[in-house]
Amino acid sequence: MAVHLELGKKGEDLAVEYLCTRGFNILFRNWKYGRFEIDIIAIKDGMLHFVEVKLRSRAIHGDPEQNITRSKIKSLLKGIDGFLSQHTKYRDFRLDVLSITLNEFGQTEYFMIADVYI
């Protein structure tokens, strides 16, 4: 497996663990709708959360969340529209970004941006 794919899978595994310890119930991982993909779909306190995960192995290249562009958000929203059209029981949702950095001391740092919008 390519290094960037391994790093992506590690990031999603860390994200699932982080979210579960904070009361999220994971419904789907890597949910696809056409060419659109949502990393994690979860529920917490009755609210549906679509979570985009960004991981960096070092902060030297900037924070992971800096890779979330308007174009990426629009792509995520199209995927969310697809999910909601297939799962009509859900009405309210949030788009969240979970930024994960593996720092030089071997520690994992998390930064959650809740309810992203443009």
N, C-alpha and C. Protein backbone atom coordinates (compact mmCIF):
# COMPACT_ATOMS: atom_id res chain seq x y z
N MET A 1 0.86 -1.18 0.00
CA MET A 1 0.00 0.00 0.00
C MET A 1 0.90 1.24 0.00
N ALA A 2 0.53 2.24 -0.77
CA ALA A 2 1.29 3.48 -0.85
C ALA A 2 1.32 4.18 0.51
N VAL A 3 2.40 4.91 0.78
CA VAL A 3 2.58 5.56 2.08
C VAL A 3 1.44 6.51 2.40
N HIS A 4 1.00 7.32 1.41
CA HIS A 4 -0.08 8.28 1.69
C HIS A 4 -1.39 7.56 1.98
N LEU A 5 -1.61 6.39 1.39
CA LEU A 5 -2.83 5.62 1.69
C LEU A 5 -2.75 5.02 3.09
N GLU A 6 -1.57 4.55 3.48
CA GLU A 6 -1.39 4.02 4.83
C GLU A 6 -1.59 5.12 5.87
N LEU A 7 -1.06 6.31 5.58
CA LEU A 7 -1.21 7.44 6.49
C LEU A 7 -2.68 7.84 6.59
N GLY A 8 -3.39 7.83 5.46
CA GLY A 8 -4.82 8.15 5.46
C GLY A 8 -5.62 7.17 6.29
N LYS A 9 -5.32 5.88 6.15
CA LYS A 9 -6.03 4.86 6.94
C LYS A 9 -5.72 5.03 8.42
N LYS A 10 -4.45 5.31 8.74
CA LYS A 10 -4.09 5.54 10.15
C LYS A 10 -4.85 6.73 10.71
N GLY A 11 -4.97 7.80 9.92
CA GLY A 11 -5.71 8.98 10.35
C GLY A 11 -7.17 8.67 10.62
N GLU A 12 -7.78 7.89 9.75
CA GLU A 12 -9.19 7.53 9.95
C GLU A 12 -9.36 6.62 11.15
N ASP A 13 -8.42 5.71 11.37
CA ASP A 13 -8.48 4.85 12.55
C ASP A 13 -8.37 5.68 13.84
N LEU A 14 -7.43 6.63 13.84
CA LEU A 14 -7.28 7.53 15.00
C LEU A 14 -8.55 8.36 15.20
N ALA A 15 -9.13 8.83 14.10
CA ALA A 15 -10.35 9.64 14.17
C ALA A 15 -11.51 8.85 14.76
N VAL A 16 -11.68 7.61 14.33
CA VAL A 16 -12.76 6.78 14.85
C VAL A 16 -12.59 6.58 16.35
N GLU A 17 -11.37 6.28 16.77
CA GLU A 17 -11.11 6.10 18.20
C GLU A 17 -11.42 7.38 18.98
N TYR A 18 -10.96 8.51 18.46
CA TYR A 18 -11.20 9.81 19.10
C TYR A 18 -12.69 10.11 19.20
N LEU A 19 -13.41 9.91 18.12
CA LEU A 19 -14.85 10.21 18.10
C LEU A 19 -15.62 9.28 19.04
N CYS A 20 -15.29 8.00 19.02
CA CYS A 20 -15.99 7.04 19.88
C CYS A 20 -15.81 7.37 21.36
N THR A 21 -14.62 7.82 21.74
CA THR A 21 -14.40 8.15 23.15
C THR A 21 -15.14 9.43 23.55
N ARG A 22 -15.65 10.15 22.57
CA ARG A 22 -16.41 11.37 22.84
C ARG A 22 -17.90 11.21 22.57
N GLY A 23 -18.35 9.98 22.50
CA GLY A 23 -19.78 9.71 22.43
C GLY A 23 -20.38 9.61 21.04
N PHE A 24 -19.56 9.61 20.01
CA PHE A 24 -20.07 9.45 18.65
C PHE A 24 -20.27 7.98 18.35
N ASN A 25 -21.34 7.67 17.63
CA ASN A 25 -21.59 6.32 17.15
C ASN A 25 -21.30 6.33 15.65
N ILE A 26 -20.31 5.57 15.23
CA ILE A 26 -19.90 5.56 13.83
C ILE A 26 -20.88 4.72 13.01
N LEU A 27 -21.44 5.33 11.97
CA LEU A 27 -22.36 4.64 11.06
C LEU A 27 -21.65 4.11 9.83
N PHE A 28 -20.81 4.94 9.23
CA PHE A 28 -20.11 4.57 8.00
C PHE A 28 -18.70 5.15 8.00
N ARG A 29 -17.79 4.43 7.33
CA ARG A 29 -16.46 4.94 7.03
C ARG A 29 -16.28 4.89 5.52
N ASN A 30 -15.68 5.92 4.97
CA ASN A 30 -15.40 5.99 3.54
C ASN A 30 -16.65 5.75 2.69
N TRP A 31 -17.72 6.43 3.04
CA TRP A 31 -18.98 6.31 2.32
C TRP A 31 -18.86 7.03 0.98
N LYS A 32 -19.25 6.35 -0.10
CA LYS A 32 -19.10 6.90 -1.44
C LYS A 32 -20.44 7.14 -2.11
N TYR A 33 -20.49 8.23 -2.85
CA TYR A 33 -21.64 8.58 -3.68
C TYR A 33 -21.06 9.10 -4.99
N GLY A 34 -21.07 8.24 -6.00
CA GLY A 34 -20.43 8.61 -7.26
C GLY A 34 -18.95 8.85 -7.02
N ARG A 35 -18.47 10.02 -7.40
CA ARG A 35 -17.05 10.33 -7.20
C ARG A 35 -16.78 11.04 -5.88
N PHE A 36 -17.82 11.20 -5.06
CA PHE A 36 -17.70 11.89 -3.78
C PHE A 36 -17.54 10.88 -2.65
N GLU A 37 -16.69 11.22 -1.68
CA GLU A 37 -16.47 10.33 -0.54
C GLU A 37 -16.50 11.13 0.76
N ILE A 38 -17.13 10.54 1.75
CA ILE A 38 -17.18 11.13 3.09
C ILE A 38 -16.41 10.17 4.00
N ASP A 39 -15.42 10.72 4.71
CA ASP A 39 -14.55 9.87 5.53
C ASP A 39 -15.32 9.13 6.62
N ILE A 40 -16.08 9.87 7.42
CA ILE A 40 -16.81 9.26 8.54
C ILE A 40 -18.19 9.89 8.64
N ILE A 41 -19.19 9.03 8.82
CA ILE A 41 -20.55 9.49 9.11
C ILE A 41 -20.90 8.91 10.47
N ALA A 42 -21.29 9.79 11.38
CA ALA A 42 -21.54 9.37 12.77
C ALA A 42 -22.75 10.10 13.34
N ILE A 43 -23.24 9.58 14.46
CA ILE A 43 -24.35 10.21 15.19
C ILE A 43 -23.88 10.49 16.61
N LYS A 44 -24.28 11.66 17.10
CA LYS A 44 -24.05 11.99 18.51
C LYS A 44 -25.22 12.82 18.98
N ASP A 45 -25.84 12.38 20.05
CA ASP A 45 -26.99 13.10 20.64
C ASP A 45 -28.06 13.38 19.59
N GLY A 46 -28.30 12.41 18.72
CA GLY A 46 -29.36 12.54 17.72
C GLY A 46 -28.99 13.38 16.51
N MET A 47 -27.79 13.95 16.48
CA MET A 47 -27.34 14.79 15.37
C MET A 47 -26.42 13.97 14.46
N LEU A 48 -26.67 14.05 13.16
CA LEU A 48 -25.85 13.38 12.17
C LEU A 48 -24.61 14.25 11.90
N HIS A 49 -23.43 13.63 11.91
CA HIS A 49 -22.17 14.34 11.66
C HIS A 49 -21.45 13.70 10.48
N PHE A 50 -21.07 14.54 9.53
CA PHE A 50 -20.23 14.12 8.42
C PHE A 50 -18.85 14.67 8.75
N VAL A 51 -17.88 13.78 8.91
CA VAL A 51 -16.56 14.19 9.40
C VAL A 51 -15.51 13.98 8.32
N GLU A 52 -14.85 15.06 7.96
CA GLU A 52 -13.69 15.01 7.06
C GLU A 52 -12.45 14.94 7.94
N VAL A 53 -11.61 13.95 7.69
CA VAL A 53 -10.41 13.73 8.50
C VAL A 53 -9.18 14.18 7.71
N LYS A 54 -8.35 14.98 8.36
CA LYS A 54 -7.09 15.41 7.76
C LYS A 54 -5.98 15.10 8.75
N LEU A 55 -4.94 14.42 8.26
CA LEU A 55 -3.82 14.03 9.11
C LEU A 55 -2.52 14.50 8.49
N ARG A 56 -1.63 14.97 9.33
CA ARG A 56 -0.27 15.30 8.91
C ARG A 56 0.68 14.60 9.86
N SER A 57 1.75 14.08 9.30
CA SER A 57 2.73 13.40 10.16
C SER A 57 3.66 14.39 10.84
N ARG A 58 3.69 15.62 10.34
CA ARG A 58 4.48 16.68 10.97
C ARG A 58 3.79 18.01 10.70
N ALA A 59 3.87 18.91 11.66
CA ALA A 59 3.25 20.22 11.49
C ALA A 59 4.13 21.17 10.68
N ILE A 60 5.30 20.71 10.27
CA ILE A 60 6.23 21.56 9.54
C ILE A 60 5.61 22.08 8.23
N HIS A 61 4.70 21.32 7.67
CA HIS A 61 4.04 21.70 6.41
C HIS A 61 2.73 22.43 6.64
N GLY A 62 2.48 22.86 7.86
CA GLY A 62 1.23 23.55 8.18
C GLY A 62 0.24 22.62 8.85
N ASP A 63 -0.84 23.19 9.30
CA ASP A 63 -1.87 22.42 9.97
C ASP A 63 -2.70 21.64 8.96
N PRO A 64 -3.14 20.43 9.32
CA PRO A 64 -3.90 19.60 8.38
C PRO A 64 -5.16 20.27 7.84
N GLU A 65 -5.85 21.03 8.71
CA GLU A 65 -7.11 21.64 8.29
C GLU A 65 -6.93 22.70 7.21
N GLN A 66 -5.70 23.13 6.98
CA GLN A 66 -5.45 24.10 5.92
C GLN A 66 -5.70 23.52 4.53
N ASN A 67 -5.80 22.21 4.44
CA ASN A 67 -6.09 21.56 3.16
C ASN A 67 -7.58 21.52 2.83
N ILE A 68 -8.42 22.06 3.68
CA ILE A 68 -9.86 22.10 3.41
C ILE A 68 -10.16 23.40 2.66
N THR A 69 -10.40 23.26 1.38
CA THR A 69 -10.67 24.42 0.53
C THR A 69 -12.17 24.55 0.30
N ARG A 70 -12.57 25.67 -0.28
CA ARG A 70 -13.98 25.84 -0.66
C ARG A 70 -14.41 24.73 -1.61
N SER A 71 -13.54 24.39 -2.53
CA SER A 71 -13.83 23.32 -3.49
C SER A 71 -14.07 21.99 -2.77
N LYS A 72 -13.24 21.69 -1.76
CA LYS A 72 -13.40 20.45 -0.99
C LYS A 72 -14.73 20.47 -0.24
N ILE A 73 -15.07 21.60 0.35
CA ILE A 73 -16.34 21.70 1.09
C ILE A 73 -17.51 21.50 0.13
N LYS A 74 -17.45 22.09 -1.05
CA LYS A 74 -18.53 21.91 -2.03
C LYS A 74 -18.65 20.45 -2.44
N SER A 75 -17.52 19.78 -2.61
CA SER A 75 -17.52 18.36 -2.94
C SER A 75 -18.15 17.54 -1.81
N LEU A 76 -17.79 17.87 -0.57
CA LEU A 76 -18.37 17.17 0.58
C LEU A 76 -19.87 17.39 0.64
N LEU A 77 -20.31 18.61 0.37
CA LEU A 77 -21.75 18.91 0.41
C LEU A 77 -22.52 18.12 -0.65
N LYS A 78 -21.91 17.89 -1.81
CA LYS A 78 -22.56 17.06 -2.84
C LYS A 78 -22.68 15.62 -2.36
N GLY A 79 -21.64 15.12 -1.69
CA GLY A 79 -21.71 13.78 -1.11
C GLY A 79 -22.77 13.70 -0.02
N ILE A 80 -22.85 14.74 0.79
CA ILE A 80 -23.87 14.79 1.86
C ILE A 80 -25.26 14.80 1.26
N ASP A 81 -25.47 15.58 0.19
CA ASP A 81 -26.76 15.58 -0.49
C ASP A 81 -27.13 14.17 -0.96
N GLY A 82 -26.16 13.46 -1.51
CA GLY A 82 -26.39 12.09 -1.94
C GLY A 82 -26.77 11.19 -0.79
N PHE A 83 -26.07 11.32 0.33
CA PHE A 83 -26.39 10.51 1.50
C PHE A 83 -27.80 10.79 1.99
N LEU A 84 -28.14 12.07 2.12
CA LEU A 84 -29.45 12.45 2.63
C LEU A 84 -30.58 12.03 1.70
N SER A 85 -30.32 12.00 0.39
CA SER A 85 -31.34 11.54 -0.55
C SER A 85 -31.59 10.04 -0.42
N GLN A 86 -30.57 9.30 -0.01
CA GLN A 86 -30.71 7.85 0.17
C GLN A 86 -31.17 7.47 1.58
N HIS A 87 -30.98 8.35 2.53
CA HIS A 87 -31.32 8.08 3.94
C HIS A 87 -32.23 9.21 4.42
N THR A 88 -33.46 9.15 4.00
CA THR A 88 -34.40 10.27 4.21
C THR A 88 -34.84 10.46 5.66
N LYS A 89 -34.51 9.52 6.55
CA LYS A 89 -34.92 9.70 7.95
C LYS A 89 -34.08 10.77 8.64
N TYR A 90 -32.94 11.13 8.05
CA TYR A 90 -32.09 12.17 8.64
C TYR A 90 -32.43 13.52 8.03
N ARG A 91 -32.50 14.53 8.88
CA ARG A 91 -32.80 15.88 8.41
C ARG A 91 -31.70 16.85 8.82
N ASP A 92 -31.36 16.84 10.11
CA ASP A 92 -30.35 17.77 10.61
C ASP A 92 -28.98 17.11 10.57
N PHE A 93 -27.99 17.90 10.18
CA PHE A 93 -26.63 17.37 10.12
C PHE A 93 -25.62 18.48 10.37
N ARG A 94 -24.41 18.06 10.62
CA ARG A 94 -23.27 18.96 10.75
C ARG A 94 -22.14 18.41 9.89
N LEU A 95 -21.37 19.32 9.32
CA LEU A 95 -20.14 18.96 8.64
C LEU A 95 -19.00 19.39 9.55
N ASP A 96 -18.19 18.43 9.96
CA ASP A 96 -17.09 18.68 10.88
C ASP A 96 -15.77 18.32 10.21
N VAL A 97 -14.70 18.94 10.66
CA VAL A 97 -13.35 18.60 10.22
C VAL A 97 -12.56 18.19 11.45
N LEU A 98 -11.96 17.01 11.38
CA LEU A 98 -11.09 16.55 12.46
C LEU A 98 -9.67 16.56 11.94
N SER A 99 -8.89 17.48 12.50
CA SER A 99 -7.49 17.67 12.12
C SER A 99 -6.62 16.91 13.11
N ILE A 100 -5.73 16.06 12.59
CA ILE A 100 -4.86 15.25 13.43
C ILE A 100 -3.41 15.48 13.02
N THR A 101 -2.58 15.78 14.01
CA THR A 101 -1.15 15.97 13.75
C THR A 101 -0.36 15.01 14.62
N LEU A 102 0.54 14.28 13.99
CA LEU A 102 1.47 13.43 14.71
C LEU A 102 2.73 14.27 14.91
N ASN A 103 2.96 14.74 16.13
CA ASN A 103 4.06 15.69 16.33
C ASN A 103 5.41 14.98 16.48
N GLU A 104 6.46 15.78 16.55
CA GLU A 104 7.83 15.26 16.58
C GLU A 104 8.16 14.51 17.87
N PHE A 105 7.31 14.62 18.88
CA PHE A 105 7.54 13.93 20.14
C PHE A 105 6.75 12.61 20.22
N GLY A 106 6.14 12.22 19.11
CA GLY A 106 5.39 10.97 19.08
C GLY A 106 3.99 11.09 19.65
N GLN A 107 3.55 12.32 19.89
CA GLN A 107 2.21 12.54 20.44
C GLN A 107 1.23 12.86 19.30
N THR A 108 -0.01 12.52 19.54
CA THR A 108 -1.07 12.81 18.57
C THR A 108 -1.88 13.99 19.07
N GLU A 109 -2.01 15.00 18.22
CA GLU A 109 -2.77 16.20 18.58
C GLU A 109 -4.03 16.25 17.72
N TYR A 110 -5.16 16.54 18.36
CA TYR A 110 -6.45 16.60 17.67
C TYR A 110 -7.00 18.02 17.74
N PHE A 111 -7.63 18.43 16.65
CA PHE A 111 -8.30 19.73 16.61
C PHE A 111 -9.59 19.54 15.82
N MET A 112 -10.72 19.68 16.49
CA MET A 112 -12.02 19.45 15.86
C MET A 112 -12.67 20.79 15.52
N ILE A 113 -13.02 20.95 14.26
CA ILE A 113 -13.75 22.12 13.82
C ILE A 113 -15.19 21.66 13.57
N ALA A 114 -16.09 22.08 14.42
CA ALA A 114 -17.48 21.62 14.36
C ALA A 114 -18.33 22.57 13.52
N ASP A 115 -19.23 21.99 12.75
CA ASP A 115 -20.24 22.74 11.99
C ASP A 115 -19.62 23.73 11.00
N VAL A 116 -18.83 23.19 10.08
CA VAL A 116 -18.18 23.98 9.05
C VAL A 116 -19.21 24.44 8.02
N TYR A 117 -19.04 25.64 7.54
CA TYR A 117 -19.88 26.13 6.45
C TYR A 117 -19.12 27.18 5.67
N ILE A 118 -19.60 27.48 4.47
CA ILE A 118 -18.96 28.53 3.66
C ILE A 118 -19.83 29.76 3.67
